Amino acid sequence: MLRIPDSQFPKLFALTQSFPATPELDVAQSLRAGWDLPVQPGQRIAIAVGSRGISRVAEVIREVVKLLHAAGALPFIVPAMGSHGGATAQGQTELLAGYGVSEANLGVPVHAAMDAELLGHTEDGIPVHLSKEALSADGILVVNRVKPHTEFRGPVESGLLKMIAVGLGKELGATAFHVACQRVPFARVVETICKVKLAKAPFIGGIALVENQRHELCRLEVISARDFEMREPLVLDEARSLMARLPFDDIDLLIVDFMGKNISGAGIDPNVIGRDCWGYYSHLVQTPTRTPFIRRIFVRDLTPETHGNAIGIGVADFTTSRLVRAIDYPTMYMNVLTSQAILSPKIPLHFETDRDVLAHALATLALPDAARARVVRIRDSLSLGEMQISEALVEEVANRPNISLAPLGQSFSFDPNENFLPLGDAG
């Protein structure tokens, strides 16, 4: 079987990519300063929270709960994550609890029932569903990170309005949304569904969260429901400017230690890897496409927070057999069928050990000298401050002011089971 001997594995150098500093955010003060939402004593307020691994999300929700209690309101949590968590109330409750968003931690109930009510249809005939638990409230407040979306471009992408359009629709609404997007532009579906929901449901506002390049919460904005369409595009522009990227546009092999739904809706963010979860071009010669251009991707493991959902593994060329064994297929297939991303769960070539995967992956690059392969290893697509790069890439970044490199390279390091040592321990 075609493979590269260990003696031809590239030498690796530790790289640190520095980003502009952002002041530490005082969550409580920022919320108080921007709080101007129409909340009355005795009102039941549903706080919509999603399934992403957002920095300090439990702290944000805790401070929101305090403000609502101070106004005399009765807050509760509603999972706003479509079909995630296996499309069950228990699964969605467990996902939120993994982020510290639970009744035990916040002192307010979590109402996770999956029932959704049909509110009507958009002008394109798309059915519009909304969580019955959210509809039962006197007011709905959405809390979400705003960032570039993995699949489309528009005035708003991943954030408050998309959570309203998709996540709060539960499984029925999320399915209707993604089916519609096969025929109607994604941005228009978000816009027209939200038009119906904002007119017919008691939305009072949202908390837009922005993270910096280090996946740290750096800003938040309280936005009233009437200002969603005006303010969210501006927050998106800020989030896009703060998004971390790989320091290379041409990579032979990208090694990703972890993928998962807490990292990205696509498991690995297409905005970082340049591969679309709807399918990608696997030839070695670059064609006009998104950047960076990465010839081979090797994904090693799933995050614990993804609970076996490996949606997005289809963008990889290689993986480990242990990742394949860790997949919860019913949970993943539920998410795939809801999102209609039917190429995203396809299982790549897989081998038992990292050493085996590396040897086979390098062999498929058809290079005269595999030791000169342009290799990058990252923890995940949110963690781009520290990585390993091969010797062939060192000269390209040696003089960049935001890059620091270890002076000496080292060989790939393996544990007794022939798997890589953790990134921080591997040099």
Protein backbone atom coordinates (compact mmCIF):
# COMPACT_ATOMS: atom_id res chain seq x y z
CA MET A 1 0.00 0.00 0.00
CA LEU A 2 1.31 3.44 -0.96
CA ARG A 3 2.84 5.22 2.02
CA ILE A 4 5.78 7.46 2.89
CA PRO A 5 8.44 6.08 5.27
CA ASP A 6 8.95 7.86 8.58
CA SER A 7 12.35 9.06 7.41
CA GLN A 8 10.59 11.32 4.87
CA PHE A 9 8.17 12.93 7.33
CA PRO A 10 8.68 16.72 7.32
CA LYS A 11 10.36 18.45 10.23
CA LEU A 12 8.00 20.67 12.25
CA PHE A 13 8.41 24.11 13.81
CA ALA A 14 6.18 25.65 16.47
CA LEU A 15 4.53 28.86 15.24
CA THR A 16 2.73 31.53 17.23
CA GLN A 17 0.48 33.97 15.39
CA SER A 18 -0.15 37.14 17.40
CA PHE A 19 -3.29 39.23 17.04
CA PRO A 20 -4.09 42.81 18.09
CA ALA A 21 -5.03 43.03 21.76
CA THR A 22 -8.63 43.72 22.73
CA PRO A 23 -9.58 44.94 26.21
CA GLU A 24 -11.20 42.37 28.49
CA LEU A 25 -14.95 42.77 28.30
CA ASP A 26 -16.94 43.60 31.42
CA VAL A 27 -20.07 41.63 30.56
CA ALA A 28 -22.28 42.97 33.34
CA GLN A 29 -21.38 46.61 32.71
CA SER A 30 -21.80 46.29 28.93
CA LEU A 31 -25.24 44.74 29.33
CA ARG A 32 -26.38 47.37 31.80
CA ALA A 33 -25.10 50.19 29.60
CA GLY A 34 -27.01 48.98 26.56
CA TRP A 35 -30.12 47.64 28.26
CA ASP A 36 -33.22 49.37 26.92
CA LEU A 37 -35.63 46.52 26.24
CA PRO A 38 -39.40 46.65 26.84
CA VAL A 39 -39.75 44.30 29.82
CA GLN A 40 -42.59 44.60 32.33
CA PRO A 41 -42.96 43.05 35.82
CA GLY A 42 -44.51 39.60 35.74
CA GLN A 43 -43.73 38.95 32.08
CA ARG A 44 -42.36 35.55 31.09
CA ILE A 45 -39.29 36.09 28.93
CA ALA A 46 -37.83 33.27 26.81
CA ILE A 47 -34.05 33.51 26.39
CA ALA A 48 -33.06 31.70 23.18
CA VAL A 49 -29.62 30.05 23.34
CA GLY A 50 -27.91 27.96 20.64
CA SER A 51 -25.55 25.01 20.44
CA ARG A 52 -22.25 26.71 19.54
CA GLY A 53 -19.29 26.90 21.88
CA ILE A 54 -19.48 30.66 22.47
CA SER A 55 -16.94 32.27 24.77
CA ARG A 56 -18.37 33.12 28.23
CA VAL A 57 -21.91 32.28 27.13
CA ALA A 58 -23.01 31.10 30.59
CA GLU A 59 -21.74 34.36 32.11
CA VAL A 60 -23.69 36.38 29.54
CA ILE A 61 -26.89 34.44 30.20
CA ARG A 62 -26.43 34.77 33.97
CA GLU A 63 -26.16 38.57 33.70
CA VAL A 64 -29.17 38.70 31.35
CA VAL A 65 -31.16 36.71 33.91
CA LYS A 66 -30.15 39.20 36.63
CA LEU A 67 -31.36 42.14 34.54
CA LEU A 68 -34.65 40.42 33.79
CA HIS A 69 -35.17 39.55 37.45
CA ALA A 70 -34.39 43.17 38.39
CA ALA A 71 -37.17 44.24 36.03
CA GLY A 72 -39.57 41.85 37.77
CA ALA A 73 -39.70 39.44 34.81
CA LEU A 74 -39.74 35.63 34.90
CA PRO A 75 -37.01 34.38 32.54
CA PHE A 76 -36.54 30.85 31.21
CA ILE A 77 -34.22 29.26 28.65
CA VAL A 78 -35.31 27.88 25.27
CA PRO A 79 -32.78 25.92 23.19
CA ALA A 80 -32.63 27.50 19.74
CA MET A 81 -30.66 24.92 17.78
CA GLY A 82 -32.95 23.32 15.20
CA SER A 83 -32.32 19.57 15.13
CA HIS A 84 -29.08 19.51 17.11
CA GLY A 85 -28.86 17.20 20.10
CA GLY A 86 -30.56 14.46 18.11
CA ALA A 87 -33.68 16.66 17.82
CA THR A 88 -34.74 15.67 21.34
CA ALA A 89 -35.49 17.82 24.38
CA GLN A 90 -33.06 15.80 26.47
CA GLY A 91 -30.30 16.07 23.88
CA GLN A 92 -30.69 19.83 23.55
CA THR A 93 -30.82 20.28 27.32
CA GLU A 94 -27.60 18.30 27.65
CA LEU A 95 -25.88 20.37 24.96
CA LEU A 96 -26.70 23.59 26.80
CA ALA A 97 -25.65 22.13 30.13
CA GLY A 98 -22.26 21.34 28.62
CA TYR A 99 -21.77 25.10 28.24
CA GLY A 100 -22.98 25.85 31.76
CA VAL A 101 -26.43 26.93 30.57
CA SER A 102 -28.60 24.87 32.91
CA GLU A 103 -31.22 25.33 35.61
CA ALA A 104 -28.73 24.17 38.23
CA ASN A 105 -26.16 26.76 37.17
CA LEU A 106 -28.41 29.73 36.34
CA GLY A 107 -31.41 29.23 38.60
CA VAL A 108 -34.00 29.45 35.81
CA PRO A 109 -35.82 26.61 34.05
CA VAL A 110 -34.87 25.20 30.65
CA HIS A 111 -37.93 24.53 28.49
CA ALA A 112 -36.61 22.31 25.74
CA ALA A 113 -39.73 20.75 24.20
CA MET A 114 -39.39 20.28 20.44
CA ASP A 115 -42.95 21.32 19.50
CA ALA A 116 -43.20 24.10 16.92
CA GLU A 117 -46.19 26.04 15.66
CA LEU A 118 -46.85 27.00 12.05
CA LEU A 119 -47.09 30.80 11.93
CA GLY A 120 -47.76 31.08 8.22
CA HIS A 121 -45.77 31.16 4.97
CA THR A 122 -43.30 33.54 3.38
CA GLU A 123 -44.00 35.29 0.10
CA ASP A 124 -42.10 32.41 -1.58
CA GLY A 125 -44.41 29.87 0.05
CA ILE A 126 -41.91 28.67 2.67
CA PRO A 127 -43.60 27.39 5.86
CA VAL A 128 -42.59 29.33 8.98
CA HIS A 129 -42.39 27.43 12.28
CA LEU A 130 -41.54 28.75 15.75
CA SER A 131 -40.94 26.97 19.05
CA LYS A 132 -44.18 26.69 21.04
CA GLU A 133 -42.22 27.22 24.25
CA ALA A 134 -40.93 30.54 22.90
CA LEU A 135 -44.38 31.52 21.63
CA SER A 136 -45.85 30.92 25.07
CA ALA A 137 -43.70 33.74 26.47
CA ASP A 138 -44.59 37.41 26.73
CA GLY A 139 -41.26 38.27 25.17
CA ILE A 140 -38.44 36.48 23.33
CA LEU A 141 -34.78 37.53 23.69
CA VAL A 142 -32.18 35.88 21.45
CA VAL A 143 -28.52 35.53 22.46
CA ASN A 144 -25.99 34.52 19.84
CA ARG A 145 -22.53 35.09 18.44
CA VAL A 146 -22.44 37.08 15.20
CA LYS A 147 -19.92 35.82 12.63
CA PRO A 148 -19.49 35.01 8.94
CA HIS A 149 -21.60 31.99 8.01
CA THR A 150 -20.12 28.75 6.72
CA GLU A 151 -22.39 28.45 3.68
CA PHE A 152 -23.62 31.82 2.39
CA ARG A 153 -22.95 35.55 2.18
CA GLY A 154 -25.52 38.22 2.88
CA PRO A 155 -26.30 41.36 4.91
CA VAL A 156 -26.70 39.08 7.93
CA GLU A 157 -25.17 35.64 8.25
CA SER A 158 -24.66 33.65 11.45
CA GLY A 159 -26.19 35.56 14.34
CA LEU A 160 -29.45 36.82 15.79
CA LEU A 161 -31.68 36.74 12.70
CA LYS A 162 -30.42 33.34 11.58
CA MET A 163 -31.11 31.97 15.07
CA ILE A 164 -34.65 33.32 14.76
CA ALA A 165 -35.06 31.88 11.26
CA VAL A 166 -33.56 28.44 11.91
CA GLY A 167 -32.71 27.58 15.51
CA LEU A 168 -36.02 28.74 17.01
CA GLY A 169 -37.93 26.78 14.40
CA LYS A 170 -36.88 23.55 16.10
CA GLU A 171 -36.56 20.50 13.81
CA LEU A 172 -39.62 21.37 11.70
CA GLY A 173 -38.51 24.93 11.08
CA ALA A 174 -34.87 24.07 10.49
CA THR A 175 -35.83 21.40 7.96
CA ALA A 176 -38.21 23.72 6.11
CA PHE A 177 -35.50 26.38 6.07
CA HIS A 178 -32.78 24.18 4.58
CA VAL A 179 -35.09 22.56 2.06
CA ALA A 180 -36.08 26.04 0.87
CA CYS A 181 -32.42 27.01 0.53
CA GLN A 182 -31.98 24.36 -2.16
CA ARG A 183 -34.14 26.53 -4.45
CA VAL A 184 -34.15 30.03 -2.97
CA PRO A 185 -31.03 32.08 -2.05
CA PHE A 186 -30.02 31.49 1.56
CA ALA A 187 -30.01 35.18 2.49
CA ARG A 188 -33.51 35.68 1.11
CA VAL A 189 -34.84 32.71 3.09
CA VAL A 190 -33.44 34.21 6.31
CA GLU A 191 -34.94 37.61 5.48
CA THR A 192 -38.42 36.39 4.53
CA ILE A 193 -38.81 33.92 7.39
CA CYS A 194 -37.72 36.55 9.91
CA LYS A 195 -40.19 39.02 8.41
CA VAL A 196 -43.04 36.65 9.32
CA LYS A 197 -41.67 35.73 12.75
CA LEU A 198 -40.92 39.29 13.84
CA ALA A 199 -44.43 40.33 12.84
CA LYS A 200 -46.23 37.47 14.59
CA ALA A 201 -44.14 36.59 17.66
CA PRO A 202 -43.22 38.72 20.71
CA PHE A 203 -39.53 39.32 20.02
CA ILE A 204 -38.14 42.10 22.20
CA GLY A 205 -34.49 42.07 21.20
CA GLY A 206 -31.20 40.25 21.20
CA ILE A 207 -27.68 40.18 22.56
CA ALA A 208 -25.14 40.14 19.72
CA LEU A 209 -21.79 38.68 20.80
CA VAL A 210 -18.50 39.27 18.99
CA GLU A 211 -15.33 37.24 19.49
CA ASN A 212 -11.76 38.21 18.63
CA GLN A 213 -9.13 36.12 16.84
CA ARG A 214 -8.37 34.23 20.05
CA HIS A 215 -12.00 33.06 20.44
CA GLU A 216 -12.44 35.52 23.33
CA LEU A 217 -15.61 37.53 23.84
CA CYS A 218 -14.53 41.09 23.08
CA ARG A 219 -17.79 43.00 22.59
CA LEU A 220 -21.52 42.64 23.00
CA GLU A 221 -24.40 44.78 21.86
CA VAL A 222 -27.98 44.86 23.11
CA ILE A 223 -30.22 45.32 20.07
CA SER A 224 -33.96 45.93 20.17
CA ALA A 225 -36.05 43.81 17.81
CA ARG A 226 -37.00 46.84 15.72
CA ASP A 227 -33.29 47.47 15.02
CA PHE A 228 -32.19 43.95 14.06
CA GLU A 229 -31.98 44.60 10.32
CA MET A 230 -30.10 47.88 10.80
CA ARG A 231 -27.61 46.89 13.51
CA GLU A 232 -26.73 43.25 12.83
CA PRO A 233 -25.01 43.89 9.46
CA LEU A 234 -22.71 46.38 11.21
CA VAL A 235 -21.87 43.87 13.93
CA LEU A 236 -21.19 41.27 11.23
CA ASP A 237 -18.70 43.59 9.53
CA GLU A 238 -16.86 43.95 12.84
CA ALA A 239 -16.88 40.19 13.44
CA ARG A 240 -15.54 39.52 9.94
CA SER A 241 -12.64 41.92 10.52
CA LEU A 242 -11.73 40.06 13.72
CA MET A 243 -11.84 36.55 12.28
CA ALA A 244 -8.60 34.58 12.61
CA ARG A 245 -7.16 32.98 9.49
CA LEU A 246 -4.36 30.61 8.60
CA PRO A 247 -1.14 32.46 7.69
CA PHE A 248 -0.82 30.54 4.40
CA ASP A 249 -2.87 30.41 1.20
CA ASP A 250 -1.25 27.27 -0.22
CA ILE A 251 -1.00 24.15 1.97
CA ASP A 252 -0.28 20.55 1.01
CA LEU A 253 -1.57 18.92 4.18
CA LEU A 254 -3.60 20.45 7.00
CA ILE A 255 -3.84 18.37 10.18
CA VAL A 256 -6.81 19.29 12.37
CA ASP A 257 -6.75 17.75 15.84
CA PHE A 258 -10.45 18.33 16.65
CA MET A 259 -13.68 19.09 14.83
CA GLY A 260 -17.21 19.45 16.23
CA LYS A 261 -20.44 21.40 16.34
CA ASN A 262 -19.10 23.54 19.18
CA ILE A 263 -16.30 24.68 16.86
CA SER A 264 -18.44 25.37 13.78
CA GLY A 265 -21.81 24.40 12.37
CA ALA A 266 -19.82 22.62 9.67
CA GLY A 267 -17.50 20.93 12.19
CA ILE A 268 -14.53 22.79 10.68
CA ASP A 269 -15.12 26.37 9.57
CA PRO A 270 -15.09 26.61 5.75
CA ASN A 271 -14.08 30.26 6.11
CA VAL A 272 -10.79 28.98 7.57
CA ILE A 273 -10.08 25.91 5.43
CA GLY A 274 -11.45 27.14 2.10
CA ARG A 275 -13.57 24.03 1.57
CA ASP A 276 -17.33 24.15 1.34
CA CYS A 277 -19.37 21.58 3.25
CA TRP A 278 -21.49 21.09 0.10
CA GLY A 279 -18.52 19.48 -1.68
CA TYR A 280 -15.01 20.34 -2.76
CA TYR A 281 -12.42 19.85 -5.51
CA SER A 282 -9.83 17.20 -4.58
CA HIS A 283 -7.25 17.55 -7.36
CA LEU A 284 -3.75 18.69 -6.50
CA VAL A 285 -3.63 21.57 -9.00
CA GLN A 286 -5.19 24.78 -7.76
CA THR A 287 -8.23 26.12 -9.59
CA PRO A 288 -10.11 29.38 -9.00
CA THR A 289 -11.71 28.79 -5.63
CA ARG A 290 -11.83 30.05 -2.09
CA THR A 291 -8.59 30.52 -0.22
CA PRO A 292 -6.66 28.94 1.27
CA PHE A 293 -6.09 26.10 -1.19
CA ILE A 294 -5.45 22.94 0.83
CA ARG A 295 -4.71 19.74 -1.06
CA ARG A 296 -5.27 17.25 1.75
CA ILE A 297 -7.00 17.54 5.14
CA PHE A 298 -6.53 15.06 7.96
CA VAL A 299 -8.96 15.32 10.90
CA ARG A 300 -7.89 13.37 13.97
CA ASP A 301 -10.72 13.48 16.56
CA LEU A 302 -14.14 14.78 17.56
CA THR A 303 -14.57 17.24 20.42
CA PRO A 304 -16.40 15.82 23.46
CA GLU A 305 -18.91 18.69 23.16
CA THR A 306 -20.10 17.51 19.74
CA HIS A 307 -21.57 14.34 21.32
CA GLY A 308 -20.63 12.14 18.37
CA ASN A 309 -21.98 14.51 15.70
CA ALA A 310 -19.31 14.43 12.97
CA ILE A 311 -21.20 16.49 10.39
CA GLY A 312 -18.54 18.07 8.19
CA ILE A 313 -16.15 15.10 8.26
CA GLY A 314 -16.87 14.81 4.53
CA VAL A 315 -14.62 17.81 3.82
CA ALA A 316 -11.62 15.80 5.05
CA ASP A 317 -9.56 13.43 2.92
CA PHE A 318 -8.27 11.33 5.81
CA THR A 319 -9.24 10.59 9.38
CA THR A 320 -8.62 8.04 12.11
CA SER A 321 -10.58 4.88 12.73
CA ARG A 322 -11.08 6.02 16.33
CA LEU A 323 -12.94 9.11 15.08
CA VAL A 324 -15.13 6.90 12.91
CA ARG A 325 -15.90 4.66 15.91
CA ALA A 326 -16.81 7.74 17.97
CA ILE A 327 -19.55 8.89 15.58
CA ASP A 328 -23.14 8.85 16.83
CA TYR A 329 -24.77 8.13 13.49
CA PRO A 330 -28.43 8.78 14.44
CA THR A 331 -27.49 12.20 15.87
CA MET A 332 -25.32 13.07 12.87
CA TYR A 333 -27.84 11.86 10.30
CA MET A 334 -30.62 13.85 11.95
CA ASN A 335 -28.50 17.00 11.58
CA VAL A 336 -27.52 16.09 8.01
CA LEU A 337 -31.07 15.43 6.85
CA THR A 338 -32.30 18.62 8.49
CA SER A 339 -29.53 20.75 6.95
CA GLN A 340 -29.63 18.96 3.56
CA ALA A 341 -25.80 18.91 3.56
CA ILE A 342 -25.74 15.34 2.31
CA LEU A 343 -22.05 15.28 1.34
CA SER A 344 -20.90 16.47 4.75
CA PRO A 345 -21.09 13.12 6.63
CA LYS A 346 -19.24 11.01 4.05
CA ILE A 347 -16.48 9.05 5.76
CA PRO A 348 -12.94 9.67 4.39
CA LEU A 349 -10.13 7.15 4.19
CA HIS A 350 -9.27 6.13 7.73
CA PHE A 351 -6.52 4.19 9.47
CA GLU A 352 -5.92 3.07 13.04
CA THR A 353 -3.08 5.38 14.01
CA ASP A 354 -1.99 8.93 13.31
CA ARG A 355 1.32 7.59 12.04
CA ASP A 356 -0.45 5.48 9.42
CA VAL A 357 -2.70 8.33 8.32
CA LEU A 358 0.24 10.70 7.98
CA ALA A 359 2.23 8.21 5.91
CA HIS A 360 -0.66 7.59 3.49
CA ALA A 361 -1.75 11.22 3.26
CA LEU A 362 1.76 12.42 2.37
CA ALA A 363 2.04 9.69 -0.26
CA THR A 364 -1.04 10.99 -2.11
CA LEU A 365 0.55 14.42 -2.64
CA ALA A 366 2.78 13.07 -5.44
CA LEU A 367 5.75 15.14 -4.30
CA PRO A 368 9.34 14.27 -5.29
CA ASP A 369 10.37 14.84 -1.66
CA ALA A 370 7.68 14.43 1.02
CA ALA A 371 9.99 16.09 3.55
CA ARG A 372 9.35 19.34 1.64
CA ALA A 373 5.57 19.09 1.95
CA ARG A 374 3.82 22.26 3.11
CA VAL A 375 2.22 20.94 6.31
CA VAL A 376 0.23 22.82 8.97
CA ARG A 377 -1.17 21.34 12.18
CA ILE A 378 -3.84 23.16 14.23
CA ARG A 379 -5.95 22.22 17.20
CA ASP A 380 -9.23 23.29 15.54
CA SER A 381 -10.51 26.00 13.20
CA LEU A 382 -11.17 28.38 16.11
CA SER A 383 -7.67 28.05 17.58
CA LEU A 384 -5.23 29.64 15.15
CA GLY A 385 -2.85 31.37 17.53
CA GLU A 386 -0.55 28.39 17.95
CA MET A 387 0.21 25.72 15.38
CA GLN A 388 2.97 23.63 13.88
CA ILE A 389 4.30 24.15 10.38
CA SER A 390 6.73 22.19 8.26
CA GLU A 391 10.18 23.40 7.23
CA ALA A 392 8.98 24.23 3.71
CA LEU A 393 6.78 27.00 5.12
CA VAL A 394 9.28 28.58 7.51
CA GLU A 395 10.88 31.00 5.05
CA GLU A 396 7.45 32.26 3.95
CA VAL A 397 6.62 33.64 7.41
CA ALA A 398 10.06 34.20 8.90
CA ASN A 399 9.90 37.99 8.58
CA ARG A 400 6.24 38.63 9.33
CA PRO A 401 5.88 40.92 12.37
CA ASN A 402 2.94 38.99 13.84
CA ILE A 403 4.64 35.58 13.58
CA SER A 404 7.15 34.02 15.95
CA LEU A 405 8.83 30.70 15.25
CA ALA A 406 10.70 28.21 17.38
CA PRO A 407 14.38 28.32 16.38
CA LEU A 408 14.68 24.55 16.02
CA GLY A 409 12.44 22.07 14.29
CA GLN A 410 11.72 18.55 15.40
CA SER A 411 10.36 15.33 14.02
CA PHE A 412 6.72 14.32 14.42
CA SER A 413 6.28 13.08 18.00
CA PHE A 414 4.19 9.98 18.72
CA ASP A 415 2.91 8.36 21.90
CA PRO A 416 3.20 4.59 22.54
CA ASN A 417 0.02 4.03 20.50
CA GLU A 418 1.59 5.76 17.46
CA ASN A 419 -0.67 8.80 17.75
CA PHE A 420 0.50 12.42 17.90
CA LEU A 421 1.31 14.00 21.22
CA PRO A 422 -0.98 16.93 22.15
CA LEU A 423 -0.09 20.02 20.14
CA GLY A 424 1.40 21.92 23.09
CA ASP A 425 3.56 18.92 24.03
CA ALA A 426 4.74 18.28 20.47
CA GLY A 427 6.88 21.35 20.10
